[in-house]
Amino acid sequence: MRPILIVLFLCVIVLGALFGALNGAHVMIDFHFVQVDAPLGGALLCALLLGWLLGGLVAWLGHLPGMRRQARNIDDLRARIRAGGATHGSDET
Protein backbone atom coordinates (compact mmCIF):
# COMPACT_ATOMS: atom_id res chain seq x y z
CA MET A 1 0.00 0.00 0.00
CA ARG A 2 2.81 2.40 0.86
CA PRO A 3 4.51 2.24 -2.59
CA ILE A 4 1.18 3.09 -4.23
CA LEU A 5 0.79 6.15 -2.02
CA ILE A 6 4.35 7.26 -2.77
CA VAL A 7 3.78 6.95 -6.53
CA LEU A 8 0.46 8.80 -6.24
CA PHE A 9 2.11 11.56 -4.18
CA LEU A 10 4.90 11.95 -6.73
CA CYS A 11 2.37 12.11 -9.58
CA VAL A 12 0.48 14.89 -7.79
CA ILE A 13 3.72 16.82 -7.26
CA VAL A 14 4.71 16.46 -10.91
CA LEU A 15 1.24 17.52 -12.09
CA GLY A 16 1.30 20.52 -9.74
CA ALA A 17 4.72 21.60 -11.00
CA LEU A 18 3.58 21.15 -14.59
CA PHE A 19 0.42 23.15 -13.91
CA GLY A 20 2.46 25.94 -12.34
CA ALA A 21 4.92 25.99 -15.25
CA LEU A 22 2.20 26.10 -17.90
CA ASN A 23 0.40 28.96 -16.15
CA GLY A 24 3.31 31.34 -15.74
CA ALA A 25 1.48 34.57 -16.60
CA HIS A 26 1.64 37.08 -13.77
CA VAL A 27 -1.53 38.34 -12.13
CA MET A 28 -2.11 41.11 -9.61
CA ILE A 29 -3.91 39.90 -6.48
CA ASP A 30 -5.52 42.67 -4.42
CA PHE A 31 -6.12 41.94 -0.71
CA HIS A 32 -7.47 45.47 -0.14
CA PHE A 33 -4.57 46.39 2.16
CA VAL A 34 -1.76 44.90 0.05
CA GLN A 35 -1.31 43.96 -3.60
CA VAL A 36 0.73 40.95 -4.69
CA ASP A 37 2.07 40.21 -8.16
CA ALA A 38 2.26 36.41 -8.52
CA PRO A 39 2.35 33.79 -11.27
CA LEU A 40 -1.13 32.51 -12.08
CA GLY A 41 -0.23 28.85 -11.53
CA GLY A 42 1.37 29.55 -8.15
CA ALA A 43 -1.58 31.68 -7.06
CA LEU A 44 -4.06 28.97 -8.03
CA LEU A 45 -2.05 26.23 -6.30
CA CYS A 46 -1.74 28.38 -3.15
CA ALA A 47 -5.50 29.02 -3.22
CA LEU A 48 -6.11 25.27 -3.59
CA LEU A 49 -3.78 24.46 -0.70
CA LEU A 50 -5.29 27.16 1.52
CA GLY A 51 -8.81 25.93 0.76
CA TRP A 52 -7.80 22.35 1.50
CA LEU A 53 -6.25 23.34 4.84
CA LEU A 54 -9.19 25.52 5.87
CA GLY A 55 -11.66 22.81 4.85
CA GLY A 56 -9.75 20.27 6.93
CA LEU A 57 -9.73 22.64 9.89
CA VAL A 58 -13.49 23.19 9.63
CA ALA A 59 -14.12 19.44 9.34
CA TRP A 60 -11.91 18.77 12.36
CA LEU A 61 -13.61 21.46 14.42
CA GLY A 62 -16.97 20.02 13.40
CA HIS A 63 -16.01 16.65 14.90
CA LEU A 64 -14.91 18.10 18.24
CA PRO A 65 -18.38 18.30 19.87
CA GLY A 66 -19.08 14.65 19.00
CA MET A 67 -15.69 13.59 20.31
CA ARG A 68 -16.27 15.48 23.56
CA ARG A 69 -19.68 13.84 23.94
CA GLN A 70 -18.15 10.42 23.33
CA ALA A 71 -15.38 11.09 25.87
CA ARG A 72 -18.00 12.16 28.43
CA ASN A 73 -19.96 8.95 27.79
CA ILE A 74 -16.80 6.89 28.24
CA ASP A 75 -16.00 8.66 31.51
CA ASP A 76 -19.56 8.03 32.76
CA LEU A 77 -19.30 4.35 31.83
CA ARG A 78 -15.95 4.02 33.62
CA ALA A 79 -17.42 5.61 36.72
CA ARG A 80 -20.36 3.19 36.64
CA ILE A 81 -18.03 0.22 36.20
CA ARG A 82 -15.94 1.33 39.19
CA ALA A 83 -19.13 1.67 41.23
CA GLY A 84 -20.08 -1.88 40.25
CA GLY A 85 -23.32 -0.92 38.60
CA ALA A 86 -22.51 -1.15 34.91
CA THR A 87 -25.57 -1.77 32.79
CA HIS A 88 -25.83 -2.09 29.04
CA GLY A 89 -27.97 0.60 27.42
CA SER A 90 -30.23 2.86 29.45
CA ASP A 91 -30.65 2.80 33.21
CA GLU A 92 -33.83 0.76 33.60
CA THR A 93 -35.04 -0.28 37.05
PDB file of N, CA and C in Angstrom:
ATOM      1  N   MET A   1       0.826  -1.193   0.000  1.00  0.00           N
ATOM      2  CA  MET A   1       0.000   0.000   0.000  1.00  0.00           C
ATOM      3  C   MET A   1       0.868   1.254   0.000  1.00  0.00           C
ATOM      4  N   ARG A   2       1.949   1.234   0.756  1.00  0.00           N
ATOM      5  CA  ARG A   2       2.809   2.405   0.858  1.00  0.00           C
ATOM      6  C   ARG A   2       3.442   2.787  -0.483  1.00  0.00           C
ATOM      7  N   PRO A   3       3.949   1.840  -1.281  1.00  0.00           N
ATOM      8  CA  PRO A   3       4.510   2.237  -2.586  1.00  0.00           C
ATOM      9  C   PRO A   3       3.478   2.909  -3.496  1.00  0.00           C
ATOM     10  N   ILE A   4       2.230   2.470  -3.424  1.00  0.00           N
ATOM     11  CA  ILE A   4       1.182   3.088  -4.230  1.00  0.00           C
ATOM     12  C   ILE A   4       0.972   4.536  -3.809  1.00  0.00           C
ATOM     13  N   LEU A   5       0.962   4.784  -2.509  1.00  0.00           N
ATOM     14  CA  LEU A   5       0.794   6.150  -2.016  1.00  0.00           C
ATOM     15  C   LEU A   5       1.970   7.036  -2.416  1.00  0.00           C
ATOM     16  N   ILE A   6       3.178   6.492  -2.384  1.00  0.00           N
ATOM     17  CA  ILE A   6       4.353   7.262  -2.775  1.00  0.00           C
ATOM     18  C   ILE A   6       4.280   7.631  -4.253  1.00  0.00           C
ATOM     19  N   VAL A   7       3.904   6.680  -5.099  1.00  0.00           N
ATOM     20  CA  VAL A   7       3.780   6.951  -6.533  1.00  0.00           C
ATOM     21  C   VAL A   7       2.671   7.985  -6.776  1.00  0.00           C
ATOM     22  N   LEU A   8       1.550   7.840  -6.097  1.00  0.00           N
ATOM     23  CA  LEU A   8       0.461   8.803  -6.238  1.00  0.00           C
ATOM     24  C   LEU A   8       0.898  10.198  -5.790  1.00  0.00           C
ATOM     25  N   PHE A   9       1.612  10.282  -4.692  1.00  0.00           N
ATOM     26  CA  PHE A   9       2.114  11.559  -4.177  1.00  0.00           C
ATOM     27  C   PHE A   9       3.073  12.202  -5.172  1.00  0.00           C
ATOM     28  N   LEU A  10       3.966  11.412  -5.746  1.00  0.00           N
ATOM     29  CA  LEU A  10       4.904  11.948  -6.727  1.00  0.00           C
ATOM     30  C   LEU A  10       4.188  12.422  -7.994  1.00  0.00           C
ATOM     31  N   CYS A  11       3.155  11.690  -8.415  1.00  0.00           N
ATOM     32  CA  CYS A  11       2.372  12.114  -9.579  1.00  0.00           C
ATOM     33  C   CYS A  11       1.677  13.447  -9.320  1.00  0.00           C
ATOM     34  N   VAL A  12       1.142  13.626  -8.134  1.00  0.00           N
ATOM     35  CA  VAL A  12       0.482  14.887  -7.790  1.00  0.00           C
ATOM     36  C   VAL A  12       1.490  16.029  -7.790  1.00  0.00           C
ATOM     37  N   ILE A  13       2.689  15.787  -7.269  1.00  0.00           N
ATOM     38  CA  ILE A  13       3.722  16.819  -7.256  1.00  0.00           C
ATOM     39  C   ILE A  13       4.132  17.195  -8.682  1.00  0.00           C
ATOM     40  N   VAL A  14       4.317  16.193  -9.525  1.00  0.00           N
ATOM     41  CA  VAL A  14       4.706  16.465 -10.914  1.00  0.00           C
ATOM     42  C   VAL A  14       3.601  17.227 -11.636  1.00  0.00           C
ATOM     43  N   LEU A  15       2.352  16.822 -11.444  1.00  0.00           N
ATOM     44  CA  LEU A  15       1.243  17.518 -12.091  1.00  0.00           C
ATOM     45  C   LEU A  15       1.111  18.954 -11.576  1.00  0.00           C
ATOM     46  N   GLY A  16       1.340  19.171 -10.294  1.00  0.00           N
ATOM     47  CA  GLY A  16       1.299  20.524  -9.741  1.00  0.00           C
ATOM     48  C   GLY A  16       2.402  21.402 -10.304  1.00  0.00           C
ATOM     49  N   ALA A  17       3.604  20.841 -10.422  1.00  0.00           N
ATOM     50  CA  ALA A  17       4.716  21.600 -11.000  1.00  0.00           C
ATOM     51  C   ALA A  17       4.454  21.905 -12.469  1.00  0.00           C
ATOM     52  N   LEU A  18       3.911  20.944 -13.188  1.00  0.00           N
ATOM     53  CA  LEU A  18       3.577  21.155 -14.593  1.00  0.00           C
ATOM     54  C   LEU A  18       2.488  22.218 -14.746  1.00  0.00           C
ATOM     55  N   PHE A  19       1.490  22.162 -13.898  1.00  0.00           N
ATOM     56  CA  PHE A  19       0.416  23.153 -13.908  1.00  0.00           C
ATOM     57  C   PHE A  19       0.977  24.550 -13.644  1.00  0.00           C
ATOM     58  N   GLY A  20       1.856  24.649 -12.656  1.00  0.00           N
ATOM     59  CA  GLY A  20       2.465  25.943 -12.342  1.00  0.00           C
ATOM     60  C   GLY A  20       3.325  26.462 -13.476  1.00  0.00           C
ATOM     61  N   ALA A  21       4.045  25.572 -14.152  1.00  0.00           N
ATOM     62  CA  ALA A  21       4.919  25.993 -15.250  1.00  0.00           C
ATOM     63  C   ALA A  21       4.116  26.430 -16.470  1.00  0.00           C
ATOM     64  N   LEU A  22       3.003  25.757 -16.735  1.00  0.00           N
ATOM     65  CA  LEU A  22       2.196  26.098 -17.902  1.00  0.00           C
ATOM     66  C   LEU A  22       1.354  27.358 -17.695  1.00  0.00           C
ATOM     67  N   ASN A  23       1.172  27.765 -16.465  1.00  0.00           N
ATOM     68  CA  ASN A  23       0.397  28.963 -16.154  1.00  0.00           C
ATOM     69  C   ASN A  23       1.316  30.001 -15.522  1.00  0.00           C
ATOM     70  N   GLY A  24       2.304  30.435 -16.271  1.00  0.00           N
ATOM     71  CA  GLY A  24       3.315  31.338 -15.739  1.00  0.00           C
ATOM     72  C   GLY A  24       2.987  32.810 -15.857  1.00  0.00           C
ATOM     73  N   ALA A  25       1.849  33.169 -16.471  1.00  0.00           N
ATOM     74  CA  ALA A  25       1.484  34.575 -16.601  1.00  0.00           C
ATOM     75  C   ALA A  25       1.302  35.198 -15.218  1.00  0.00           C
ATOM     76  N   HIS A  26       1.750  36.410 -15.064  1.00  0.00           N
ATOM     77  CA  HIS A  26       1.642  37.084 -13.769  1.00  0.00           C
ATOM     78  C   HIS A  26       0.289  37.770 -13.637  1.00  0.00           C
ATOM     79  N   VAL A  27      -0.264  37.683 -12.437  1.00  0.00           N
ATOM     80  CA  VAL A  27      -1.535  38.337 -12.132  1.00  0.00           C
ATOM     81  C   VAL A  27      -1.362  39.184 -10.881  1.00  0.00           C
ATOM     82  N   MET A  28      -2.134  40.253 -10.795  1.00  0.00           N
ATOM     83  CA  MET A  28      -2.114  41.106  -9.613  1.00  0.00           C
ATOM     84  C   MET A  28      -3.250  40.668  -8.694  1.00  0.00           C
ATOM     85  N   ILE A  29      -2.915  40.320  -7.455  1.00  0.00           N
ATOM     86  CA  ILE A  29      -3.911  39.895  -6.475  1.00  0.00           C
ATOM     87  C   ILE A  29      -4.047  41.025  -5.465  1.00  0.00           C
ATOM     88  N   ASP A  30      -5.254  41.533  -5.297  1.00  0.00           N
ATOM     89  CA  ASP A  30      -5.521  42.671  -4.417  1.00  0.00           C
ATOM     90  C   ASP A  30      -6.220  42.174  -3.153  1.00  0.00           C
ATOM     91  N   PHE A  31      -5.553  42.319  -2.004  1.00  0.00           N
ATOM     92  CA  PHE A  31      -6.117  41.940  -0.712  1.00  0.00           C
ATOM     93  C   PHE A  31      -6.655  43.150   0.040  1.00  0.00           C
ATOM     94  N   HIS A  32      -6.948  44.212  -0.634  1.00  0.00           N
ATOM     95  CA  HIS A  32      -7.472  45.472  -0.138  1.00  0.00           C
ATOM     96  C   HIS A  32      -6.420  46.282   0.619  1.00  0.00           C
ATOM     97  N   PHE A  33      -5.607  45.660   1.424  1.00  0.00           N
ATOM     98  CA  PHE A  33      -4.572  46.387   2.155  1.00  0.00           C
ATOM     99  C   PHE A  33      -3.184  46.160   1.574  1.00  0.00           C
ATOM    100  N   VAL A  34      -3.040  45.166   0.712  1.00  0.00           N
ATOM    101  CA  VAL A  34      -1.764  44.896   0.053  1.00  0.00           C
ATOM    102  C   VAL A  34      -2.046  44.257  -1.308  1.00  0.00           C
ATOM    103  N   GLN A  35      -1.193  44.566  -2.272  1.00  0.00           N
ATOM    104  CA  GLN A  35      -1.308  43.964  -3.595  1.00  0.00           C
ATOM    105  C   GLN A  35      -0.095  43.084  -3.838  1.00  0.00           C
ATOM    106  N   VAL A  36      -0.331  41.918  -4.438  1.00  0.00           N
ATOM    107  CA  VAL A  36       0.730  40.954  -4.689  1.00  0.00           C
ATOM    108  C   VAL A  36       0.729  40.614  -6.174  1.00  0.00           C
ATOM    109  N   ASP A  37       1.905  40.638  -6.780  1.00  0.00           N
ATOM    110  CA  ASP A  37       2.069  40.207  -8.165  1.00  0.00           C
ATOM    111  C   ASP A  37       2.636  38.787  -8.116  1.00  0.00           C
ATOM    112  N   ALA A  38       1.862  37.820  -8.615  1.00  0.00           N
ATOM    113  CA  ALA A  38       2.262  36.414  -8.515  1.00  0.00           C
ATOM    114  C   ALA A  38       1.963  35.696  -9.819  1.00  0.00           C
ATOM    115  N   PRO A  39       2.696  34.610 -10.094  1.00  0.00           N
ATOM    116  CA  PRO A  39       2.354  33.794 -11.269  1.00  0.00           C
ATOM    117  C   PRO A  39       0.982  33.151 -11.084  1.00  0.00           C
ATOM    118  N   LEU A  40       0.229  33.051 -12.146  1.00  0.00           N
ATOM    119  CA  LEU A  40      -1.127  32.512 -12.083  1.00  0.00           C
ATOM    120  C   LEU A  40      -1.148  31.088 -11.526  1.00  0.00           C
ATOM    121  N   GLY A  41      -0.256  30.235 -12.013  1.00  0.00           N
ATOM    122  CA  GLY A  41      -0.225  28.848 -11.531  1.00  0.00           C
ATOM    123  C   GLY A  41       0.071  28.768 -10.047  1.00  0.00           C
ATOM    124  N   GLY A  42       1.029  29.549  -9.588  1.00  0.00           N
ATOM    125  CA  GLY A  42       1.366  29.555  -8.153  1.00  0.00           C
ATOM    126  C   GLY A  42       0.221  30.082  -7.311  1.00  0.00           C
ATOM    127  N   ALA A  43      -0.451  31.125  -7.804  1.00  0.00           N
ATOM    128  CA  ALA A  43      -1.582  31.685  -7.064  1.00  0.00           C
ATOM    129  C   ALA A  43      -2.716  30.670  -6.960  1.00  0.00           C
ATOM    130  N   LEU A  44      -2.990  29.970  -8.061  1.00  0.00           N
ATOM    131  CA  LEU A  44      -4.062  28.967  -8.027  1.00  0.00           C
ATOM    132  C   LEU A  44      -3.702  27.789  -7.120  1.00  0.00           C
ATOM    133  N   LEU A  45      -2.457  27.343  -7.176  1.00  0.00           N
ATOM    134  CA  LEU A  45      -2.046  26.235  -6.298  1.00  0.00           C
ATOM    135  C   LEU A  45      -2.076  26.653  -4.830  1.00  0.00           C
ATOM    136  N   CYS A  46      -1.672  27.892  -4.543  1.00  0.00           N
ATOM    137  CA  CYS A  46      -1.740  28.384  -3.154  1.00  0.00           C
ATOM    138  C   CYS A  46      -3.189  28.481  -2.685  1.00  0.00           C
ATOM    139  N   ALA A  47      -4.084  28.944  -3.571  1.00  0.00           N
ATOM    140  CA  ALA A  47      -5.502  29.020  -3.217  1.00  0.00           C
ATOM    141  C   ALA A  47      -6.071  27.619  -2.962  1.00  0.00           C
ATOM    142  N   LEU A  48      -5.658  26.657  -3.780  1.00  0.00           N
ATOM    143  CA  LEU A  48      -6.110  25.275  -3.591  1.00  0.00           C
ATOM    144  C   LEU A  48      -5.612  24.720  -2.254  1.00  0.00           C
ATOM    145  N   LEU A  49      -4.347  24.942  -1.958  1.00  0.00           N
ATOM    146  CA  LEU A  49      -3.780  24.463  -0.699  1.00  0.00           C
ATOM    147  C   LEU A  49      -4.443  25.127   0.496  1.00  0.00           C
ATOM    148  N   LEU A  50      -4.649  26.437   0.426  1.00  0.00           N
ATOM    149  CA  LEU A  50      -5.293  27.159   1.522  1.00  0.00           C
ATOM    150  C   LEU A  50      -6.722  26.668   1.725  1.00  0.00           C
ATOM    151  N   GLY A  51      -7.456  26.452   0.644  1.00  0.00           N
ATOM    152  CA  GLY A  51      -8.813  25.930   0.755  1.00  0.00           C
ATOM    153  C   GLY A  51      -8.852  24.535   1.342  1.00  0.00           C
ATOM    154  N   TRP A  52      -7.879  23.708   0.956  1.00  0.00           N
ATOM    155  CA  TRP A  52      -7.801  22.352   1.496  1.00  0.00           C
ATOM    156  C   TRP A  52      -7.525  22.379   2.997  1.00  0.00           C
ATOM    157  N   LEU A  53      -6.582  23.239   3.411  1.00  0.00           N
ATOM    158  CA  LEU A  53      -6.248  23.339   4.837  1.00  0.00           C
ATOM    159  C   LEU A  53      -7.411  23.901   5.652  1.00  0.00           C
ATOM    160  N   LEU A  54      -8.055  24.948   5.148  1.00  0.00           N
ATOM    161  CA  LEU A  54      -9.193  25.520   5.872  1.00  0.00           C
ATOM    162  C   LEU A  54     -10.367  24.548   5.922  1.00  0.00           C
ATOM    163  N   GLY A  55     -10.606  23.817   4.841  1.00  0.00           N
ATOM    164  CA  GLY A  55     -11.659  22.807   4.849  1.00  0.00           C
ATOM    165  C   GLY A  55     -11.383  21.698   5.853  1.00  0.00           C
ATOM    166  N   GLY A  56     -10.125  21.274   5.932  1.00  0.00           N
ATOM    167  CA  GLY A  56      -9.751  20.265   6.926  1.00  0.00           C
ATOM    168  C   GLY A  56      -9.920  20.773   8.346  1.00  0.00           C
ATOM    169  N   LEU A  57      -9.569  22.042   8.565  1.00  0.00           N
ATOM    170  CA  LEU A  57      -9.731  22.637   9.891  1.00  0.00           C
ATOM    171  C   LEU A  57     -11.204  22.706  10.278  1.00  0.00           C
ATOM    172  N   VAL A  58     -12.057  23.121   9.355  1.00  0.00           N
ATOM    173  CA  VAL A  58     -13.492  23.190   9.634  1.00  0.00           C
ATOM    174  C   VAL A  58     -14.057  21.795   9.896  1.00  0.00           C
ATOM    175  N   ALA A  59     -13.648  20.809   9.127  1.00  0.00           N
ATOM    176  CA  ALA A  59     -14.123  19.443   9.342  1.00  0.00           C
ATOM    177  C   ALA A  59     -13.673  18.914  10.699  1.00  0.00           C
ATOM    178  N   TRP A  60     -12.421  19.216  11.068  1.00  0.00           N
ATOM    179  CA  TRP A  60     -11.906  18.765  12.360  1.00  0.00           C
ATOM    180  C   TRP A  60     -12.650  19.447  13.504  1.00  0.00           C
ATOM    181  N   LEU A  61     -12.869  20.749  13.380  1.00  0.00           N
ATOM    182  CA  LEU A  61     -13.608  21.465  14.416  1.00  0.00           C
ATOM    183  C   LEU A  61     -15.049  20.991  14.497  1.00  0.00           C
ATOM    184  N   GLY A  62     -15.615  20.546  13.390  1.00  0.00           N
ATOM    185  CA  GLY A  62     -16.975  20.021  13.397  1.00  0.00           C
ATOM    186  C   GLY A  62     -17.083  18.686  14.122  1.00  0.00           C
ATOM    187  N   HIS A  63     -15.988  17.938  14.196  1.00  0.00           N
ATOM    188  CA  HIS A  63     -16.006  16.651  14.897  1.00  0.00           C
ATOM    189  C   HIS A  63     -15.762  16.797  16.391  1.00  0.00           C
ATOM    190  N   LEU A  64     -15.247  17.936  16.833  1.00  0.00           N
ATOM    191  CA  LEU A  64     -14.911  18.098  18.243  1.00  0.00           C
ATOM    192  C   LEU A  64     -16.092  17.916  19.194  1.00  0.00           C
ATOM    193  N   PRO A  65     -17.264  18.511  18.929  1.00  0.00           N
ATOM    194  CA  PRO A  65     -18.379  18.298  19.869  1.00  0.00           C
ATOM    195  C   PRO A  65     -18.755  16.826  20.014  1.00  0.00           C
ATOM    196  N   GLY A  66     -18.769  16.079  18.923  1.00  0.00           N
ATOM    197  CA  GLY A  66     -19.083  14.655  18.998  1.00  0.00           C
ATOM    198  C   GLY A  66     -18.029  13.882  19.768  1.00  0.00           C
ATOM    199  N   MET A  67     -16.773  14.265  19.586  1.00  0.00           N
ATOM    200  CA  MET A  67     -15.693  13.592  20.311  1.00  0.00           C
ATOM    201  C   MET A  67     -15.778  13.898  21.801  1.00  0.00           C
ATOM    202  N   ARG A  68     -16.128  15.132  22.141  1.00  0.00           N
ATOM    203  CA  ARG A  68     -16.274  15.484  23.560  1.00  0.00           C
ATOM    204  C   ARG A  68     -17.428  14.715  24.191  1.00  0.00           C
ATOM    205  N   ARG A  69     -18.539  14.594  23.447  1.00  0.00           N
ATOM    206  CA  ARG A  69     -19.684  13.840  23.945  1.00  0.00           C
ATOM    207  C   ARG A  69     -19.307  12.379  24.155  1.00  0.00           C
ATOM    208  N   GLN A  70     -18.566  11.812  23.214  1.00  0.00           N
ATOM    209  CA  GLN A  70     -18.148  10.422  23.331  1.00  0.00           C
ATOM    210  C   GLN A  70     -17.204  10.239  24.513  1.00  0.00           C
ATOM    211  N   ALA A  71     -16.290  11.183  24.727  1.00  0.00           N
ATOM    212  CA  ALA A  71     -15.381  11.095  25.869  1.00  0.00           C
ATOM    213  C   ALA A  71     -16.158  11.187  27.180  1.00  0.00           C
ATOM    214  N   ARG A  72     -17.180  12.046  27.212  1.00  0.00           N
ATOM    215  CA  ARG A  72     -18.002  12.162  28.425  1.00  0.00           C
ATOM    216  C   ARG A  72     -18.744  10.865  28.691  1.00  0.00           C
ATOM    217  N   ASN A  73     -19.268  10.227  27.621  1.00  0.00           N
ATOM    218  CA  ASN A  73     -19.963   8.946  27.792  1.00  0.00           C
ATOM    219  C   ASN A  73     -19.005   7.864  28.294  1.00  0.00           C
ATOM    220  N   ILE A  74     -17.791   7.865  27.793  1.00  0.00           N
ATOM    221  CA  ILE A  74     -16.798   6.887  28.240  1.00  0.00           C
ATOM    222  C   ILE A  74     -16.459   7.112  29.705  1.00  0.00           C
ATOM    223  N   ASP A  75     -16.291   8.371  30.095  1.00  0.00           N
ATOM    224  CA  ASP A  75     -16.005   8.665  31.506  1.00  0.00           C
ATOM    225  C   ASP A  75     -17.153   8.229  32.409  1.00  0.00           C
ATOM    226  N   ASP A  76     -18.398   8.461  31.972  1.00  0.00           N
ATOM    227  CA  ASP A  76     -19.560   8.027  32.755  1.00  0.00           C
ATOM    228  C   ASP A  76     -19.594   6.512  32.884  1.00  0.00           C
ATOM    229  N   LEU A  77     -19.302   5.812  31.794  1.00  0.00           N
ATOM    230  CA  LEU A  77     -19.299   4.353  31.826  1.00  0.00           C
ATOM    231  C   LEU A  77     -18.207   3.828  32.748  1.00  0.00           C
ATOM    232  N   ARG A  78     -17.030   4.429  32.710  1.00  0.00           N
ATOM    233  CA  ARG A  78     -15.946   4.018  33.616  1.00  0.00           C
ATOM    234  C   ARG A  78     -16.335   4.231  35.073  1.00  0.00           C
ATOM    235  N   ALA A  79     -17.000   5.344  35.345  1.00  0.00           N
ATOM    236  CA  ALA A  79     -17.424   5.613  36.722  1.00  0.00           C
ATOM    237  C   ALA A  79     -18.452   4.581  37.170  1.00  0.00           C
ATOM    238  N   ARG A  80     -19.374   4.199  36.270  1.00  0.00           N
ATOM    239  CA  ARG A  80     -20.363   3.186  36.642  1.00  0.00           C
ATOM    240  C   ARG A  80     -19.723   1.827  36.828  1.00  0.00           C
ATOM    241  N   ILE A  81     -18.712   1.512  36.048  1.00  0.00           N
ATOM    242  CA  ILE A  81     -18.027   0.223  36.196  1.00  0.00           C
ATOM    243  C   ILE A  81     -17.303   0.184  37.539  1.00  0.00           C
ATOM    244  N   ARG A  82     -16.635   1.276  37.887  1.00  0.00           N
ATOM    245  CA  ARG A  82     -15.937   1.333  39.186  1.00  0.00           C
ATOM    246  C   ARG A  82     -16.917   1.202  40.342  1.00  0.00           C
ATOM    247  N   ALA A  83     -18.115   1.747  40.176  1.00  0.00           N
ATOM    248  CA  ALA A  83     -19.125   1.671  41.232  1.00  0.00           C
ATOM    249  C   ALA A  83     -19.784   0.297  41.274  1.00  0.00           C
ATOM    250  N   GLY A  84     -19.528  -0.530  40.262  1.00  0.00           N
ATOM    251  CA  GLY A  84     -20.075  -1.883  40.250  1.00  0.00           C
ATOM    252  C   GLY A  84     -21.473  -1.968  39.686  1.00  0.00           C
ATOM    253  N   GLY A  85     -21.956  -0.910  39.107  1.00  0.00           N
ATOM    254  CA  GLY A  85     -23.319  -0.923  38.603  1.00  0.00           C
ATOM    255  C   GLY A  85     -23.396  -0.716  37.108  1.00  0.00           C
ATOM    256  N   ALA A  86     -22.499  -1.339  36.374  1.00  0.00           N
ATOM    257  CA  ALA A  86     -22.505  -1.149  34.914  1.00  0.00           C
ATOM    258  C   ALA A  86     -23.688  -1.878  34.298  1.00  0.00           C
ATOM    259  N   THR A  87     -24.469  -1.165  33.530  1.00  0.00           N
ATOM    260  CA  THR A  87     -25.571  -1.770  32.790  1.00  0.00           C
ATOM    261  C   THR A  87     -25.369  -1.466  31.317  1.00  0.00           C
ATOM    262  N   HIS A  88     -25.938  -2.294  30.503  1.00  0.00           N
ATOM    263  CA  HIS A  88     -25.830  -2.091  29.040  1.00  0.00           C
ATOM    264  C   HIS A  88     -27.062  -1.302  28.595  1.00  0.00           C
ATOM    265  N   GLY A  89     -26.839  -0.206  27.893  1.00  0.00           N
ATOM    266  CA  GLY A  89     -27.968   0.599  27.417  1.00  0.00           C
ATOM    267  C   GLY A  89     -28.405   1.611  28.443  1.00  0.00           C
ATOM    268  N   SER A  90     -29.709   1.836  28.545  1.00  0.00           N
ATOM    269  CA  SER A  90     -30.227   2.857  29.455  1.00  0.00           C
ATOM    270  C   SER A  90     -30.334   2.292  30.860  1.00  0.00           C
ATOM    271  N   ASP A  91     -30.512   3.199  31.808  1.00  0.00           N
ATOM    272  CA  ASP A  91     -30.655   2.801  33.211  1.00  0.00           C
ATOM    273  C   ASP A  91     -32.118   2.466  33.485  1.00  0.00           C
ATOM    274  N   GLU A  92     -32.462   1.201  33.340  1.00  0.00           N
ATOM    275  CA  GLU A  92     -33.827   0.758  33.600  1.00  0.00           C
ATOM    276  C   GLU A  92     -33.868   0.076  34.949  1.00  0.00           C
ATOM    277  N   THR A  93     -34.902   0.351  35.741  1.00  0.00           N
ATOM    278  CA  THR A  93     -35.041  -0.280  37.045  1.00  0.00           C
ATOM    279  C   THR A  93     -36.288  -1.093  37.144  1.00  0.00           C
TER     280      THR A  93
END
